């Protein structure tokens, strides 16, 4: 959490935390932060200042979260934990989006299956997680269509080399 309110009303704070015990893949945390900022700037243009975290977890830790919060066993690729509701007005000086948890181990398997590099798969997962923090969902077909549409727009603007089918 921010210790002070950002000076500028336009401030975006994104913390990127690698909590994996075994870092079997090198991930550029600074690039991940920059990418997240681009997505947030476009997807949440009226939410400033704001704060969110991107947390990289190993498969055991994300499995525990998946079981605890979604009652699903085993590791998953991405989980999103919103804090402030995207449509609610608050008295807080900072909009707390929440946390996006990504498992690079699962992402690596998915990237291989899709013939993508790990960086691109993590960018897709991060975009998906950010949209969840902003209230997008995919439990019902109309919501899924809207979320996929937004994912394609954001990825198309920020990762131009990816194929539309990759999203």
Foldseek 3Di string as FASTA:
>chain_A
DDPDQDPDQAAEAEAEEEPEPDCPDDDDRVVVVVLLVLLCCPVPVPFGPEYEYEYEYAFVVQQVVCCVPVVDGTGDAKDADADDALPDDDPDSYHYLYYIYGYLVVLCVVCVVVVHHSNVSVSLSSSLRSVVSNPQDPPDPVSVVVSLVSSLVSCCVRVVPDDSVVD
